[in-house]
Amino acid sequence: MTTTAMPNFILVSPEYERLPDLLLDEVEGFAATAEYTALSGDQRRVPEAVCAALMRLLLRLRRAEQAGRLGGRERAMLADIIRAIDKLVSRPEVSVRNALGSAMFETLTAAEDRGVLQELMRRFGIRTRRILDRWAA
């Protein structure tokens, strides 16, 4: 009888690793924003870093909307971000939901203006709101 030695390996979620690319695909124009371009090349491969950049963009766009300075392209991007977050938190992959949840919670709860967070909470779908509530608990 022959035995085969199996090398040590770590299972990594393919969805988790692809999260930066999924966000870029879901939110048209995200790659050209100041929030994304501020990330170094290595940071652009880290799902949490890309999620945090997306949350900073979300806050900036929402504040511009409140101030009446949001153009059509930015309005579409704001809607794309909310739709992308709602779509991605519905994925079965726990690591994807955790990356989004931690970035959302840390970025959105650190916002100085609680009104921005409250308004965004009303726009998110039920699953996204549940994740934010879970992180807040």
N, C-alpha and C. Protein backbone atom coordinates (compact mmCIF):
# COMPACT_ATOMS: atom_id res chain seq x y z
N MET A 1 0.84 -1.17 0.00
CA MET A 1 0.00 0.00 0.00
C MET A 1 0.89 1.24 0.00
N THR A 2 0.63 2.17 -0.88
CA THR A 2 1.39 3.41 -0.94
C THR A 2 0.61 4.51 -0.24
N THR A 3 1.35 5.36 0.40
CA THR A 3 0.73 6.52 1.04
C THR A 3 1.25 7.77 0.37
N THR A 4 0.41 8.72 0.31
CA THR A 4 0.77 9.99 -0.30
C THR A 4 0.71 11.06 0.77
N ALA A 5 1.76 11.80 0.86
CA ALA A 5 1.78 12.89 1.84
C ALA A 5 1.08 14.10 1.23
N MET A 6 0.19 14.66 1.99
CA MET A 6 -0.52 15.86 1.54
C MET A 6 0.17 17.07 2.17
N PRO A 7 0.50 18.05 1.38
CA PRO A 7 1.10 19.26 1.95
C PRO A 7 0.06 20.03 2.76
N ASN A 8 0.56 20.81 3.70
CA ASN A 8 -0.35 21.67 4.47
C ASN A 8 -0.92 22.72 3.53
N PHE A 9 -2.16 23.02 3.72
CA PHE A 9 -2.77 24.07 2.91
C PHE A 9 -3.84 24.77 3.74
N ILE A 10 -4.16 25.96 3.31
CA ILE A 10 -5.19 26.75 3.97
C ILE A 10 -6.27 27.02 2.94
N LEU A 11 -7.49 26.73 3.33
CA LEU A 11 -8.59 27.02 2.42
C LEU A 11 -8.91 28.51 2.49
N VAL A 12 -8.93 29.12 1.35
CA VAL A 12 -9.24 30.55 1.27
C VAL A 12 -10.46 30.69 0.38
N SER A 13 -11.37 31.47 0.85
CA SER A 13 -12.60 31.68 0.10
C SER A 13 -12.32 32.41 -1.20
N PRO A 14 -12.70 31.83 -2.33
CA PRO A 14 -12.49 32.54 -3.60
C PRO A 14 -13.31 33.83 -3.68
N GLU A 15 -14.50 33.84 -3.08
CA GLU A 15 -15.32 35.06 -3.09
C GLU A 15 -14.64 36.16 -2.28
N TYR A 16 -14.08 35.80 -1.15
CA TYR A 16 -13.41 36.78 -0.30
C TYR A 16 -12.22 37.40 -1.05
N GLU A 17 -11.41 36.57 -1.67
CA GLU A 17 -10.26 37.07 -2.41
C GLU A 17 -10.68 37.95 -3.58
N ARG A 18 -11.83 37.66 -4.16
CA ARG A 18 -12.32 38.41 -5.32
C ARG A 18 -13.12 39.65 -4.93
N LEU A 19 -13.34 39.87 -3.64
CA LEU A 19 -14.18 40.98 -3.22
C LEU A 19 -13.73 42.33 -3.78
N PRO A 20 -12.44 42.67 -3.78
CA PRO A 20 -12.06 43.95 -4.40
C PRO A 20 -12.51 44.05 -5.87
N ASP A 21 -12.33 42.99 -6.63
CA ASP A 21 -12.75 43.00 -8.04
C ASP A 21 -14.27 43.05 -8.17
N LEU A 22 -14.97 42.36 -7.28
CA LEU A 22 -16.44 42.40 -7.32
C LEU A 22 -16.94 43.82 -7.08
N LEU A 23 -16.33 44.51 -6.12
CA LEU A 23 -16.75 45.89 -5.85
C LEU A 23 -16.46 46.80 -7.03
N LEU A 24 -15.31 46.62 -7.66
CA LEU A 24 -14.97 47.42 -8.84
C LEU A 24 -15.94 47.14 -9.98
N ASP A 25 -16.35 45.89 -10.12
CA ASP A 25 -17.31 45.53 -11.17
C ASP A 25 -18.70 46.08 -10.89
N GLU A 26 -19.10 46.08 -9.64
CA GLU A 26 -20.45 46.48 -9.26
C GLU A 26 -20.66 48.00 -9.25
N VAL A 27 -19.58 48.74 -8.97
CA VAL A 27 -19.71 50.20 -8.82
C VAL A 27 -18.90 50.86 -9.93
N GLU A 28 -19.60 51.23 -10.98
CA GLU A 28 -18.94 51.86 -12.13
C GLU A 28 -18.27 53.17 -11.70
N GLY A 29 -17.01 53.32 -12.06
CA GLY A 29 -16.28 54.53 -11.74
C GLY A 29 -15.54 54.51 -10.42
N PHE A 30 -15.73 53.47 -9.62
CA PHE A 30 -15.07 53.39 -8.31
C PHE A 30 -13.55 53.43 -8.46
N ALA A 31 -13.02 52.75 -9.45
CA ALA A 31 -11.56 52.68 -9.64
C ALA A 31 -10.94 54.05 -9.88
N ALA A 32 -11.70 55.00 -10.36
CA ALA A 32 -11.18 56.34 -10.68
C ALA A 32 -11.36 57.34 -9.54
N THR A 33 -11.95 56.91 -8.42
CA THR A 33 -12.22 57.84 -7.33
C THR A 33 -10.97 58.09 -6.49
N ALA A 34 -10.97 59.22 -5.80
CA ALA A 34 -9.86 59.55 -4.90
C ALA A 34 -9.71 58.51 -3.79
N GLU A 35 -10.83 57.97 -3.33
CA GLU A 35 -10.79 56.99 -2.25
C GLU A 35 -10.07 55.71 -2.67
N TYR A 36 -10.34 55.26 -3.89
CA TYR A 36 -9.70 54.05 -4.37
C TYR A 36 -8.25 54.30 -4.79
N THR A 37 -8.01 55.38 -5.51
CA THR A 37 -6.65 55.64 -5.99
C THR A 37 -5.69 55.96 -4.85
N ALA A 38 -6.21 56.32 -3.68
CA ALA A 38 -5.35 56.57 -2.53
C ALA A 38 -4.78 55.27 -1.95
N LEU A 39 -5.36 54.14 -2.31
CA LEU A 39 -4.86 52.85 -1.84
C LEU A 39 -3.59 52.48 -2.61
N SER A 40 -2.63 51.91 -1.91
CA SER A 40 -1.43 51.42 -2.59
C SER A 40 -1.79 50.16 -3.37
N GLY A 41 -0.88 49.74 -4.22
CA GLY A 41 -1.12 48.53 -5.01
C GLY A 41 -1.42 47.32 -4.15
N ASP A 42 -0.69 47.15 -3.06
CA ASP A 42 -0.93 46.02 -2.16
C ASP A 42 -2.28 46.15 -1.45
N GLN A 43 -2.63 47.35 -1.06
CA GLN A 43 -3.91 47.56 -0.37
C GLN A 43 -5.09 47.26 -1.28
N ARG A 44 -4.92 47.42 -2.56
CA ARG A 44 -6.01 47.18 -3.51
C ARG A 44 -6.38 45.71 -3.61
N ARG A 45 -5.57 44.83 -3.04
CA ARG A 45 -5.85 43.40 -3.02
C ARG A 45 -6.43 42.96 -1.68
N VAL A 46 -6.49 43.86 -0.72
CA VAL A 46 -6.99 43.54 0.62
C VAL A 46 -8.48 43.90 0.69
N PRO A 47 -9.34 42.91 0.81
CA PRO A 47 -10.78 43.19 0.78
C PRO A 47 -11.24 44.26 1.77
N GLU A 48 -10.75 44.22 2.99
CA GLU A 48 -11.17 45.21 3.99
C GLU A 48 -10.75 46.61 3.60
N ALA A 49 -9.58 46.77 3.03
CA ALA A 49 -9.09 48.09 2.63
C ALA A 49 -9.96 48.66 1.50
N VAL A 50 -10.31 47.82 0.55
CA VAL A 50 -11.14 48.27 -0.57
C VAL A 50 -12.56 48.57 -0.08
N CYS A 51 -13.07 47.74 0.82
CA CYS A 51 -14.40 48.00 1.40
C CYS A 51 -14.41 49.33 2.16
N ALA A 52 -13.36 49.60 2.93
CA ALA A 52 -13.29 50.85 3.67
C ALA A 52 -13.23 52.05 2.72
N ALA A 53 -12.49 51.92 1.62
CA ALA A 53 -12.43 53.00 0.63
C ALA A 53 -13.82 53.23 0.02
N LEU A 54 -14.53 52.15 -0.23
CA LEU A 54 -15.88 52.28 -0.78
C LEU A 54 -16.81 52.98 0.22
N MET A 55 -16.66 52.67 1.50
CA MET A 55 -17.49 53.32 2.53
C MET A 55 -17.17 54.81 2.65
N ARG A 56 -15.89 55.16 2.52
CA ARG A 56 -15.51 56.58 2.55
C ARG A 56 -16.12 57.31 1.35
N LEU A 57 -16.11 56.66 0.20
CA LEU A 57 -16.76 57.23 -0.99
C LEU A 57 -18.26 57.39 -0.76
N LEU A 58 -18.87 56.40 -0.18
CA LEU A 58 -20.30 56.46 0.12
C LEU A 58 -20.62 57.66 1.00
N LEU A 59 -19.83 57.87 2.04
CA LEU A 59 -20.04 59.02 2.93
C LEU A 59 -19.86 60.34 2.17
N ARG A 60 -18.81 60.42 1.37
CA ARG A 60 -18.56 61.66 0.62
C ARG A 60 -19.71 61.98 -0.32
N LEU A 61 -20.20 60.96 -1.03
CA LEU A 61 -21.30 61.18 -1.97
C LEU A 61 -22.58 61.56 -1.23
N ARG A 62 -22.83 60.93 -0.11
CA ARG A 62 -24.05 61.26 0.65
C ARG A 62 -23.99 62.69 1.18
N ARG A 63 -22.82 63.11 1.65
CA ARG A 63 -22.68 64.48 2.14
C ARG A 63 -22.87 65.49 0.99
N ALA A 64 -22.33 65.16 -0.18
CA ALA A 64 -22.51 66.04 -1.34
C ALA A 64 -23.98 66.10 -1.73
N GLU A 65 -24.65 64.98 -1.62
CA GLU A 65 -26.09 64.95 -1.93
C GLU A 65 -26.85 65.85 -0.96
N GLN A 66 -26.52 65.77 0.31
CA GLN A 66 -27.18 66.61 1.31
C GLN A 66 -26.96 68.09 1.04
N ALA A 67 -25.77 68.41 0.54
CA ALA A 67 -25.43 69.81 0.26
C ALA A 67 -25.96 70.27 -1.09
N GLY A 68 -26.61 69.38 -1.83
CA GLY A 68 -27.15 69.74 -3.14
C GLY A 68 -26.10 69.84 -4.22
N ARG A 69 -24.95 69.18 -4.03
CA ARG A 69 -23.85 69.26 -4.99
C ARG A 69 -23.57 67.93 -5.68
N LEU A 70 -24.58 67.10 -5.82
CA LEU A 70 -24.38 65.79 -6.42
C LEU A 70 -24.91 65.78 -7.84
N GLY A 71 -24.03 65.53 -8.79
CA GLY A 71 -24.42 65.46 -10.20
C GLY A 71 -25.01 64.11 -10.55
N GLY A 72 -25.42 63.98 -11.77
CA GLY A 72 -26.06 62.75 -12.23
C GLY A 72 -25.17 61.53 -12.13
N ARG A 73 -23.91 61.66 -12.53
CA ARG A 73 -22.98 60.53 -12.48
C ARG A 73 -22.74 60.09 -11.04
N GLU A 74 -22.56 61.07 -10.15
CA GLU A 74 -22.33 60.75 -8.74
C GLU A 74 -23.58 60.15 -8.10
N ARG A 75 -24.75 60.64 -8.51
CA ARG A 75 -26.01 60.09 -7.99
C ARG A 75 -26.14 58.61 -8.39
N ALA A 76 -25.78 58.30 -9.62
CA ALA A 76 -25.82 56.92 -10.08
C ALA A 76 -24.81 56.06 -9.31
N MET A 77 -23.63 56.63 -9.03
CA MET A 77 -22.63 55.90 -8.28
C MET A 77 -23.10 55.62 -6.86
N LEU A 78 -23.74 56.60 -6.24
CA LEU A 78 -24.28 56.42 -4.90
C LEU A 78 -25.29 55.27 -4.89
N ALA A 79 -26.18 55.24 -5.86
CA ALA A 79 -27.15 54.16 -5.96
C ALA A 79 -26.46 52.82 -6.22
N ASP A 80 -25.42 52.83 -7.06
CA ASP A 80 -24.66 51.60 -7.34
C ASP A 80 -24.01 51.05 -6.08
N ILE A 81 -23.46 51.93 -5.26
CA ILE A 81 -22.80 51.49 -4.03
C ILE A 81 -23.80 50.82 -3.11
N ILE A 82 -24.93 51.45 -2.90
CA ILE A 82 -25.95 50.88 -2.01
C ILE A 82 -26.43 49.54 -2.56
N ARG A 83 -26.67 49.48 -3.84
CA ARG A 83 -27.13 48.24 -4.48
C ARG A 83 -26.05 47.15 -4.37
N ALA A 84 -24.79 47.51 -4.58
CA ALA A 84 -23.69 46.54 -4.51
C ALA A 84 -23.55 45.98 -3.10
N ILE A 85 -23.62 46.85 -2.12
CA ILE A 85 -23.50 46.39 -0.73
C ILE A 85 -24.64 45.43 -0.41
N ASP A 86 -25.87 45.82 -0.75
CA ASP A 86 -27.01 44.95 -0.49
C ASP A 86 -26.86 43.61 -1.20
N LYS A 87 -26.34 43.64 -2.40
CA LYS A 87 -26.16 42.40 -3.17
C LYS A 87 -25.09 41.51 -2.54
N LEU A 88 -23.97 42.12 -2.17
CA LEU A 88 -22.85 41.33 -1.66
C LEU A 88 -23.08 40.80 -0.26
N VAL A 89 -23.85 41.50 0.57
CA VAL A 89 -24.11 40.96 1.91
C VAL A 89 -25.08 39.79 1.86
N SER A 90 -25.71 39.59 0.72
CA SER A 90 -26.62 38.46 0.55
C SER A 90 -25.89 37.19 0.12
N ARG A 91 -24.61 37.30 -0.16
CA ARG A 91 -23.83 36.14 -0.57
C ARG A 91 -23.69 35.18 0.61
N PRO A 92 -23.61 33.89 0.30
CA PRO A 92 -23.50 32.91 1.39
C PRO A 92 -22.14 32.91 2.09
N GLU A 93 -21.15 33.52 1.47
CA GLU A 93 -19.79 33.51 2.00
C GLU A 93 -19.68 34.40 3.24
N VAL A 94 -19.45 33.80 4.39
CA VAL A 94 -19.37 34.54 5.65
C VAL A 94 -18.22 35.55 5.64
N SER A 95 -17.09 35.19 5.07
CA SER A 95 -15.94 36.10 5.06
C SER A 95 -16.23 37.37 4.25
N VAL A 96 -17.05 37.26 3.22
CA VAL A 96 -17.44 38.44 2.43
C VAL A 96 -18.32 39.35 3.27
N ARG A 97 -19.31 38.75 3.94
CA ARG A 97 -20.20 39.54 4.80
C ARG A 97 -19.43 40.19 5.94
N ASN A 98 -18.48 39.47 6.52
CA ASN A 98 -17.69 40.03 7.62
C ASN A 98 -16.81 41.19 7.17
N ALA A 99 -16.20 41.06 5.99
CA ALA A 99 -15.36 42.15 5.48
C ALA A 99 -16.19 43.39 5.23
N LEU A 100 -17.35 43.21 4.60
CA LEU A 100 -18.23 44.36 4.36
C LEU A 100 -18.77 44.92 5.66
N GLY A 101 -19.19 44.03 6.55
CA GLY A 101 -19.77 44.47 7.83
C GLY A 101 -18.79 45.27 8.66
N SER A 102 -17.55 44.79 8.76
CA SER A 102 -16.57 45.52 9.58
C SER A 102 -16.22 46.86 8.96
N ALA A 103 -16.07 46.91 7.64
CA ALA A 103 -15.76 48.18 6.98
C ALA A 103 -16.91 49.16 7.11
N MET A 104 -18.13 48.66 6.94
CA MET A 104 -19.30 49.54 7.07
C MET A 104 -19.40 50.07 8.49
N PHE A 105 -19.31 49.19 9.45
CA PHE A 105 -19.48 49.60 10.85
C PHE A 105 -18.41 50.60 11.26
N GLU A 106 -17.16 50.28 10.97
CA GLU A 106 -16.06 51.16 11.39
C GLU A 106 -16.12 52.52 10.69
N THR A 107 -16.40 52.52 9.42
CA THR A 107 -16.40 53.78 8.67
C THR A 107 -17.66 54.60 8.94
N LEU A 108 -18.80 53.96 8.88
CA LEU A 108 -20.05 54.70 9.02
C LEU A 108 -20.31 55.15 10.45
N THR A 109 -19.92 54.37 11.44
CA THR A 109 -20.14 54.80 12.82
C THR A 109 -19.12 55.83 13.26
N ALA A 110 -17.99 55.91 12.54
CA ALA A 110 -16.99 56.93 12.87
C ALA A 110 -17.35 58.28 12.24
N ALA A 111 -18.34 58.29 11.37
CA ALA A 111 -18.76 59.54 10.72
C ALA A 111 -19.22 60.53 11.78
N GLU A 112 -18.76 61.75 11.64
CA GLU A 112 -19.10 62.78 12.62
C GLU A 112 -20.60 63.08 12.61
N ASP A 113 -21.20 63.01 11.47
CA ASP A 113 -22.60 63.36 11.31
C ASP A 113 -23.46 62.11 11.38
N ARG A 114 -24.12 61.91 12.50
CA ARG A 114 -24.97 60.73 12.69
C ARG A 114 -26.17 60.74 11.73
N GLY A 115 -26.57 61.91 11.26
CA GLY A 115 -27.67 61.99 10.32
C GLY A 115 -27.36 61.28 9.01
N VAL A 116 -26.10 61.32 8.59
CA VAL A 116 -25.68 60.64 7.37
C VAL A 116 -25.86 59.13 7.55
N LEU A 117 -25.42 58.62 8.69
CA LEU A 117 -25.55 57.19 8.96
C LEU A 117 -27.03 56.79 9.01
N GLN A 118 -27.84 57.58 9.70
CA GLN A 118 -29.26 57.25 9.80
C GLN A 118 -29.94 57.25 8.43
N GLU A 119 -29.60 58.22 7.60
CA GLU A 119 -30.18 58.27 6.25
C GLU A 119 -29.74 57.06 5.43
N LEU A 120 -28.47 56.70 5.52
CA LEU A 120 -27.99 55.55 4.76
C LEU A 120 -28.65 54.26 5.26
N MET A 121 -28.86 54.16 6.55
CA MET A 121 -29.51 52.97 7.10
C MET A 121 -30.90 52.78 6.48
N ARG A 122 -31.60 53.86 6.24
CA ARG A 122 -32.93 53.77 5.62
C ARG A 122 -32.84 53.32 4.16
N ARG A 123 -31.74 53.60 3.51
CA ARG A 123 -31.59 53.23 2.09
C ARG A 123 -31.14 51.79 1.90
N PHE A 124 -30.41 51.26 2.88
CA PHE A 124 -29.92 49.89 2.76
C PHE A 124 -31.08 48.90 2.86
N GLY A 125 -30.88 47.74 2.28
CA GLY A 125 -31.85 46.66 2.39
C GLY A 125 -31.81 46.06 3.79
N ILE A 126 -32.75 45.18 4.06
CA ILE A 126 -32.91 44.59 5.38
C ILE A 126 -31.68 43.80 5.82
N ARG A 127 -31.06 43.07 4.92
CA ARG A 127 -29.87 42.28 5.31
C ARG A 127 -28.70 43.18 5.70
N THR A 128 -28.52 44.25 4.97
CA THR A 128 -27.43 45.18 5.29
C THR A 128 -27.70 45.83 6.64
N ARG A 129 -28.93 46.24 6.88
CA ARG A 129 -29.27 46.84 8.17
C ARG A 129 -29.05 45.86 9.31
N ARG A 130 -29.39 44.60 9.08
CA ARG A 130 -29.17 43.58 10.13
C ARG A 130 -27.69 43.41 10.44
N ILE A 131 -26.87 43.41 9.39
CA ILE A 131 -25.43 43.27 9.62
C ILE A 131 -24.90 44.45 10.43
N LEU A 132 -25.31 45.66 10.06
CA LEU A 132 -24.87 46.84 10.81
C LEU A 132 -25.37 46.78 12.25
N ASP A 133 -26.59 46.35 12.45
CA ASP A 133 -27.13 46.22 13.82
C ASP A 133 -26.35 45.18 14.61
N ARG A 134 -25.99 44.07 13.95
CA ARG A 134 -25.23 43.02 14.61
C ARG A 134 -23.84 43.53 15.03
N TRP A 135 -23.19 44.30 14.14
CA TRP A 135 -21.88 44.84 14.47
C TRP A 135 -21.96 45.87 15.58
N ALA A 136 -23.08 46.57 15.65
CA ALA A 136 -23.24 47.61 16.68
C ALA A 136 -23.51 47.01 18.04
N ALA A 137 -24.03 45.78 18.08
CA ALA A 137 -24.38 45.16 19.36
C ALA A 137 -23.18 44.73 20.16
